[in-house]
Protein backbone atom coordinates (compact mmCIF):
# COMPACT_ATOMS: atom_id res chain seq x y z
CA UNK A 1 15.89 -2.81 6.89
CA UNK A 2 12.85 -4.68 8.28
CA UNK A 3 12.96 -8.39 9.03
CA UNK A 4 9.95 -10.19 10.52
CA UNK A 5 10.07 -13.95 11.18
CA UNK A 6 6.99 -16.03 12.12
CA UNK A 7 5.46 -13.13 14.06
CA UNK A 8 2.32 -13.89 16.05
CA UNK A 9 -0.01 -11.56 17.91
CA UNK A 10 -3.48 -12.38 19.25
CA UNK A 11 -6.16 -10.30 20.96
CA UNK A 12 -7.60 -12.89 23.30
CA UNK A 13 -8.95 -15.58 20.99
CA UNK A 14 -8.98 -13.24 18.00
CA UNK A 15 -6.09 -13.45 15.58
CA UNK A 16 -4.10 -10.30 14.87
CA UNK A 17 -1.23 -11.78 12.84
CA UNK A 18 -0.18 -15.41 12.55
CA UNK A 19 3.27 -16.65 11.53
CA UNK A 20 3.97 -13.52 9.48
CA UNK A 21 7.35 -13.55 7.77
CA UNK A 22 8.28 -10.38 5.91
CA UNK A 23 11.45 -8.68 4.72
CA UNK A 24 11.68 -5.09 3.52
CA UNK A 25 14.96 -4.27 1.77
CA UNK A 26 16.89 -1.06 2.20
CA UNK A 27 15.94 1.62 -0.30
CA UNK A 28 12.72 0.05 -1.60
CA UNK A 29 9.07 1.02 -1.40
CA UNK A 30 7.24 -2.01 -0.06
CA UNK A 31 3.47 -2.20 -0.41
CA UNK A 32 1.41 -3.84 2.32
CA UNK A 33 -2.09 -4.63 1.10
CA UNK A 34 -5.15 -6.20 2.69
CA UNK A 35 -8.75 -5.46 3.72
CA UNK A 36 -9.78 -3.89 7.02
CA UNK A 37 -9.00 -6.22 9.91
CA UNK A 38 -6.44 -8.22 7.94
CA UNK A 39 -3.57 -7.46 10.32
CA UNK A 40 -1.75 -4.60 8.60
CA UNK A 41 -2.03 -2.11 11.47
CA UNK A 42 -1.22 -4.81 14.05
CA UNK A 43 2.10 -5.55 12.35
CA UNK A 44 2.88 -1.85 12.01
CA UNK A 45 2.25 -1.28 15.73
CA UNK A 46 4.52 -4.22 16.54
CA UNK A 47 7.30 -2.71 14.42
CA UNK A 48 6.92 0.62 16.23
CA UNK A 49 7.21 -1.04 19.65
CA UNK A 50 3.58 -0.28 20.52
CA UNK A 51 2.52 -3.94 20.74
CA UNK A 52 4.42 -6.95 22.02
CA UNK A 53 4.72 -10.14 19.98
CA UNK A 54 3.55 -13.43 21.44
CA UNK A 55 5.81 -15.42 19.14
CA UNK A 56 8.47 -14.94 16.48
CA UNK A 57 10.64 -11.85 16.29
CA UNK A 58 11.18 -8.65 14.32
CA UNK A 59 14.17 -6.38 13.70
CA UNK A 60 14.52 -2.88 12.27
CA UNK A 61 17.94 -1.49 11.34
CA UNK A 62 19.44 -4.68 12.83
CA UNK A 63 17.90 -3.91 16.21
CA UNK A 64 15.40 -6.20 17.91
CA UNK A 65 11.96 -4.62 18.07
CA UNK A 66 10.78 -4.42 21.68
CA UNK A 67 7.89 -2.80 23.47
CA UNK A 68 8.82 0.82 24.22
CA UNK A 69 12.20 0.79 22.43
CA UNK A 70 12.34 4.50 21.57
CA UNK A 71 15.91 4.43 20.24
CA UNK A 72 14.86 2.69 17.01
CA UNK A 73 12.06 5.20 16.46
CA UNK A 74 14.53 8.07 16.10
CA UNK A 75 15.24 6.85 12.56
CA UNK A 76 11.59 6.21 11.68
CA UNK A 77 8.92 8.49 10.27
CA UNK A 78 5.47 7.14 11.12
CA UNK A 79 2.07 8.17 9.89
CA UNK A 80 -1.02 6.44 11.35
CA UNK A 81 -4.29 6.10 9.47
CA UNK A 82 -5.66 9.10 11.42
CA UNK A 83 -3.69 12.12 12.59
CA UNK A 84 -4.23 13.50 16.09
CA UNK A 85 -2.23 16.46 17.37
CA UNK A 86 -3.08 19.54 19.43
CA UNK A 87 -6.54 20.81 18.49
CA UNK A 88 -6.15 24.31 19.95
CA UNK A 89 -2.72 24.87 18.42
CA UNK A 90 -2.26 26.44 15.01
CA UNK A 91 -0.73 24.25 12.31
CA UNK A 92 2.43 26.35 12.42
CA UNK A 93 2.72 25.60 16.13
CA UNK A 94 2.28 21.86 15.58
CA UNK A 95 5.03 21.84 12.97
CA UNK A 96 7.31 24.00 15.15
CA UNK A 97 6.80 21.59 18.06
CA UNK A 98 8.12 18.63 16.06
CA UNK A 99 10.77 20.76 14.39
CA UNK A 100 12.10 21.54 17.87
CA UNK A 101 12.71 17.88 18.73
CA UNK A 102 14.11 16.74 15.39
CA UNK A 103 16.88 17.70 13.04
CA UNK A 104 15.00 19.27 10.13
CA UNK A 105 16.19 20.77 6.84
CA UNK A 106 14.25 24.05 6.59
CA UNK A 107 14.24 24.02 2.79
CA UNK A 108 12.84 20.49 2.70
CA UNK A 109 10.17 21.40 5.24
CA UNK A 110 9.17 24.38 3.11
CA UNK A 111 8.96 22.07 0.09
CA UNK A 112 6.60 19.75 1.94
CA UNK A 113 4.35 22.61 3.06
CA UNK A 114 4.15 24.05 -0.45
CA UNK A 115 3.56 20.72 -2.22
CA UNK A 116 0.81 19.71 0.18
CA UNK A 117 -0.81 23.15 0.10
CA UNK A 118 -0.91 23.56 3.89
CA UNK A 119 -2.51 26.54 5.65
CA UNK A 120 -0.25 27.28 8.62
CA UNK A 121 -2.61 29.74 10.31
CA UNK A 122 -5.61 27.49 10.97
CA UNK A 123 -6.08 25.64 14.24
CA UNK A 124 -5.46 21.94 13.87
CA UNK A 125 -8.84 21.04 15.39
CA UNK A 126 -10.65 23.11 12.74
CA UNK A 127 -9.14 21.19 9.84
CA UNK A 128 -10.98 18.65 7.72
CA UNK A 129 -9.98 14.98 7.86
CA UNK A 130 -7.94 15.32 4.66
CA UNK A 131 -6.12 18.45 5.83
CA UNK A 132 -5.27 16.75 9.13
CA UNK A 133 -3.77 13.90 7.10
CA UNK A 134 -1.53 16.41 5.34
CA UNK A 135 -0.09 17.54 8.68
CA UNK A 136 0.56 13.89 9.50
CA UNK A 137 2.52 13.55 6.25
CA UNK A 138 4.67 16.58 7.08
CA UNK A 139 5.42 15.32 10.60
CA UNK A 140 6.37 11.87 9.24
CA UNK A 141 8.61 13.14 6.44
CA UNK A 142 10.06 16.38 7.79
CA UNK A 143 13.19 14.88 9.43
CA UNK A 144 13.95 12.72 6.35
CA UNK A 145 14.19 9.46 8.32
CA UNK A 146 15.91 6.29 7.15
CA UNK A 147 12.60 4.42 7.30
CA UNK A 148 9.04 5.59 6.62
CA UNK A 149 6.11 3.54 7.91
CA UNK A 150 2.84 4.83 6.46
CA UNK A 151 -0.57 3.41 7.37
CA UNK A 152 -3.24 4.39 4.81
CA UNK A 153 -1.58 7.79 4.26
CA UNK A 154 -3.67 9.03 1.31
CA UNK A 155 -7.21 8.34 2.55
CA UNK A 156 -9.09 11.64 2.60
CA UNK A 157 -6.64 13.45 0.30
CA UNK A 158 -7.84 14.97 -2.95
CA UNK A 159 -6.37 13.43 -6.15
CA UNK A 160 -3.90 16.27 -6.79
CA UNK A 161 -2.41 16.07 -3.29
CA UNK A 162 -2.31 12.27 -3.54
CA UNK A 163 -0.25 12.57 -6.71
CA UNK A 164 2.13 15.09 -5.15
CA UNK A 165 2.51 12.90 -2.08
CA UNK A 166 3.46 9.87 -4.19
CA UNK A 167 6.03 12.01 -5.99
CA UNK A 168 7.49 12.95 -2.59
CA UNK A 169 7.81 9.26 -1.75
CA UNK A 170 9.61 8.55 -5.02
CA UNK A 171 12.00 11.43 -4.34
CA UNK A 172 12.64 10.10 -0.82
CA UNK A 173 13.39 6.68 -2.28
CA UNK A 174 15.98 8.23 -4.62
CA UNK A 175 17.74 9.57 -1.52
CA UNK A 176 17.86 6.09 0.02
CA UNK A 177 14.78 6.13 2.24
CA UNK A 178 13.07 2.78 2.81
CA UNK A 179 9.26 2.93 2.81
CA UNK A 180 6.63 0.51 4.11
CA UNK A 181 3.36 1.66 2.57
CA UNK A 182 0.10 0.17 3.83
CA UNK A 183 -2.75 1.13 1.53
CA UNK A 184 -6.19 0.25 0.18
CA UNK A 185 -5.54 2.32 -2.94
CA UNK A 186 -4.09 -0.26 -5.29
CA UNK A 187 -3.39 2.26 -8.06
CA UNK A 188 -0.82 3.98 -5.84
CA UNK A 189 0.73 0.65 -4.88
CA UNK A 190 1.07 -0.07 -8.59
CA UNK A 191 2.60 3.34 -9.26
CA UNK A 192 5.33 3.50 -6.60
CA UNK A 193 6.02 0.09 -5.03
CA UNK A 194 8.88 -2.27 -5.88
CA UNK A 195 7.35 -5.25 -4.07
CA UNK A 196 4.04 -5.96 -2.39
CA UNK A 197 2.70 -8.36 0.24
CA UNK A 198 -0.94 -9.38 0.37
CA UNK A 199 -2.33 -10.22 3.82
CA UNK A 200 -5.69 -11.72 4.75
CA UNK A 201 -6.95 -12.66 8.23
CA UNK A 202 -3.50 -12.18 9.70
CA UNK A 203 -1.73 -14.45 7.21
CA UNK A 204 0.52 -13.39 4.32
CA UNK A 205 -0.88 -14.85 1.08
CA UNK A 206 2.16 -13.87 -0.99
CA UNK A 207 5.05 -11.45 -1.38
CA UNK A 208 5.96 -10.60 -4.97
CA UNK A 209 7.76 -7.96 -6.97
CA UNK A 210 5.57 -5.67 -9.01
CA UNK A 211 7.50 -6.85 -12.06
CA UNK A 212 6.48 -10.46 -11.40
CA UNK A 213 2.87 -9.43 -10.72
CA UNK A 214 2.71 -7.63 -14.05
CA UNK A 215 4.15 -10.69 -15.83
CA UNK A 216 1.43 -12.80 -14.23
CA UNK A 217 -1.36 -10.43 -15.20
CA UNK A 218 -4.29 -11.95 -17.01
CA UNK A 219 -6.23 -10.07 -19.65
CA UNK A 220 -9.98 -9.62 -19.76
CA UNK A 221 -11.78 -10.40 -23.02
CA UNK A 222 -15.33 -9.34 -23.87
CA UNK A 223 -17.03 -10.44 -27.07
CA UNK A 224 -20.39 -9.20 -28.39
CA UNK A 225 -22.79 -10.81 -29.12
CA UNK A 226 -22.40 -13.40 -26.39
CA UNK A 227 -20.58 -16.61 -27.29
CA UNK A 228 -19.74 -19.09 -24.54
CA UNK A 229 -17.87 -21.73 -26.54
CA UNK A 230 -14.50 -20.13 -27.27
CA UNK A 231 -11.82 -22.77 -26.64
CA UNK A 232 -8.13 -21.82 -26.48
CA UNK A 233 -5.39 -22.67 -24.01
CA UNK A 234 -5.24 -19.93 -21.38
CA UNK A 235 -8.77 -18.69 -22.16
CA UNK A 236 -11.41 -19.16 -19.42
CA UNK A 237 -15.09 -18.28 -19.62
CA UNK A 238 -16.47 -16.15 -16.75
CA UNK A 239 -20.08 -15.21 -17.48
CA UNK A 240 -22.52 -13.45 -19.80
CA UNK A 241 -23.55 -9.86 -19.09
CA UNK A 242 -25.48 -7.36 -21.21
CA UNK A 243 -25.43 -9.57 -24.32
CA UNK A 244 -21.65 -10.02 -24.07
CA UNK A 245 -19.51 -12.97 -22.98
CA UNK A 246 -16.63 -12.33 -20.61
CA UNK A 247 -13.40 -14.33 -20.45
CA UNK A 248 -10.00 -14.13 -18.80
CA UNK A 249 -6.89 -14.88 -20.86
CA UNK A 250 -3.32 -15.67 -19.90
CA UNK A 251 -1.02 -16.30 -22.84
CA UNK A 252 0.31 -14.95 -26.12
CA UNK A 253 -1.93 -12.11 -27.34
CA UNK A 254 -1.08 -12.86 -30.96
CA UNK A 255 -2.40 -16.41 -30.62
CA UNK A 256 -5.63 -15.04 -29.16
CA UNK A 257 -6.09 -12.51 -31.96
CA UNK A 258 -5.47 -15.18 -34.61
CA UNK A 259 -8.02 -17.43 -32.93
CA UNK A 260 -10.69 -14.71 -32.67
CA UNK A 261 -10.26 -13.71 -36.32
CA UNK A 262 -12.19 -16.81 -37.43
CA UNK A 263 -15.34 -15.44 -35.77
CA UNK A 264 -17.54 -12.50 -36.76
CA UNK A 265 -18.23 -10.43 -33.64
CA UNK A 266 -19.96 -7.08 -33.42
CA UNK A 267 -17.43 -5.93 -30.82
CA UNK A 268 -14.31 -7.28 -29.12
CA UNK A 269 -12.68 -5.66 -26.09
CA UNK A 270 -9.33 -6.87 -24.74
CA UNK A 271 -7.77 -5.16 -21.74
CA UNK A 272 -5.35 -5.78 -18.90
CA UNK A 273 -6.82 -6.76 -15.56
CA UNK A 274 -6.13 -4.02 -13.02
CA UNK A 275 -4.28 -4.69 -9.79
CA UNK A 276 -7.53 -4.65 -7.82
CA UNK A 277 -9.05 -7.35 -10.04
CA UNK A 278 -5.82 -9.35 -9.91
CA UNK A 279 -5.75 -9.32 -6.11
CA UNK A 280 -9.41 -10.34 -6.08
CA UNK A 281 -8.34 -13.42 -8.04
CA UNK A 282 -5.81 -14.30 -5.34
CA UNK A 283 -8.44 -13.83 -2.62
CA UNK A 284 -10.85 -16.08 -4.54
CA UNK A 285 -8.19 -18.78 -4.90
CA UNK A 286 -7.58 -18.64 -1.16
CA UNK A 287 -11.30 -18.91 -0.37
CA UNK A 288 -11.66 -21.94 -2.64
CA UNK A 289 -8.57 -23.74 -1.38
């Protein structure tokens, strides 16, 4: 569905993306993760034909991505990180405008409006940031495109609407829609994505399936009182904090439990490292390399 090979884009001497190679398969939800300024939005704008590559190439739906190629965009639903429409127009008017230039299933549009709890009678310019984002979601999804490209779509949304939105994405995936989801919210990446790419300073650090990431997850161990001399393969000491010693562990949990049973601790906490902590590990490895 999306194929990017050694893509390069610079802003003067500043790097946008450098030798980015990325493939998004048909019918999957692909997570695109990285901090502000890492190159996520640059790549998205390239894919939409809004920016021109200075090296490499990219295709969508087997068509070469080119500056101003509007034909490809007919099959794409795009949502930028901020939604800007017609401030003096009522929400109903904004939706009707896009409905008039696209083939839209009325029942599906009604479903979107109800799930996102949208007030059709307010002027767009009077809406809060989060409510403007909801209109952006409707405009991106309403024509049920083959490909959805979403740039930080849930920022500003309340937790209930976030959850409903993710459910809408999963339903769209069931119908065959391919989704590129750029997000800072790693919990939603973990919930809906099949694969994820991590980008930093314009360079892809890795692309992995969520299944492989979960297999590679380390656990976090905390023992109280503090004890810094635990020695077991896969167990690594981190630091002491609040009278407790903290470790990471990667290995058979049963072996760890058997090993710890020879000690008398006041408290032992063993938990999975969250996706955010796991990605921080990858960033640290990159910084130290």
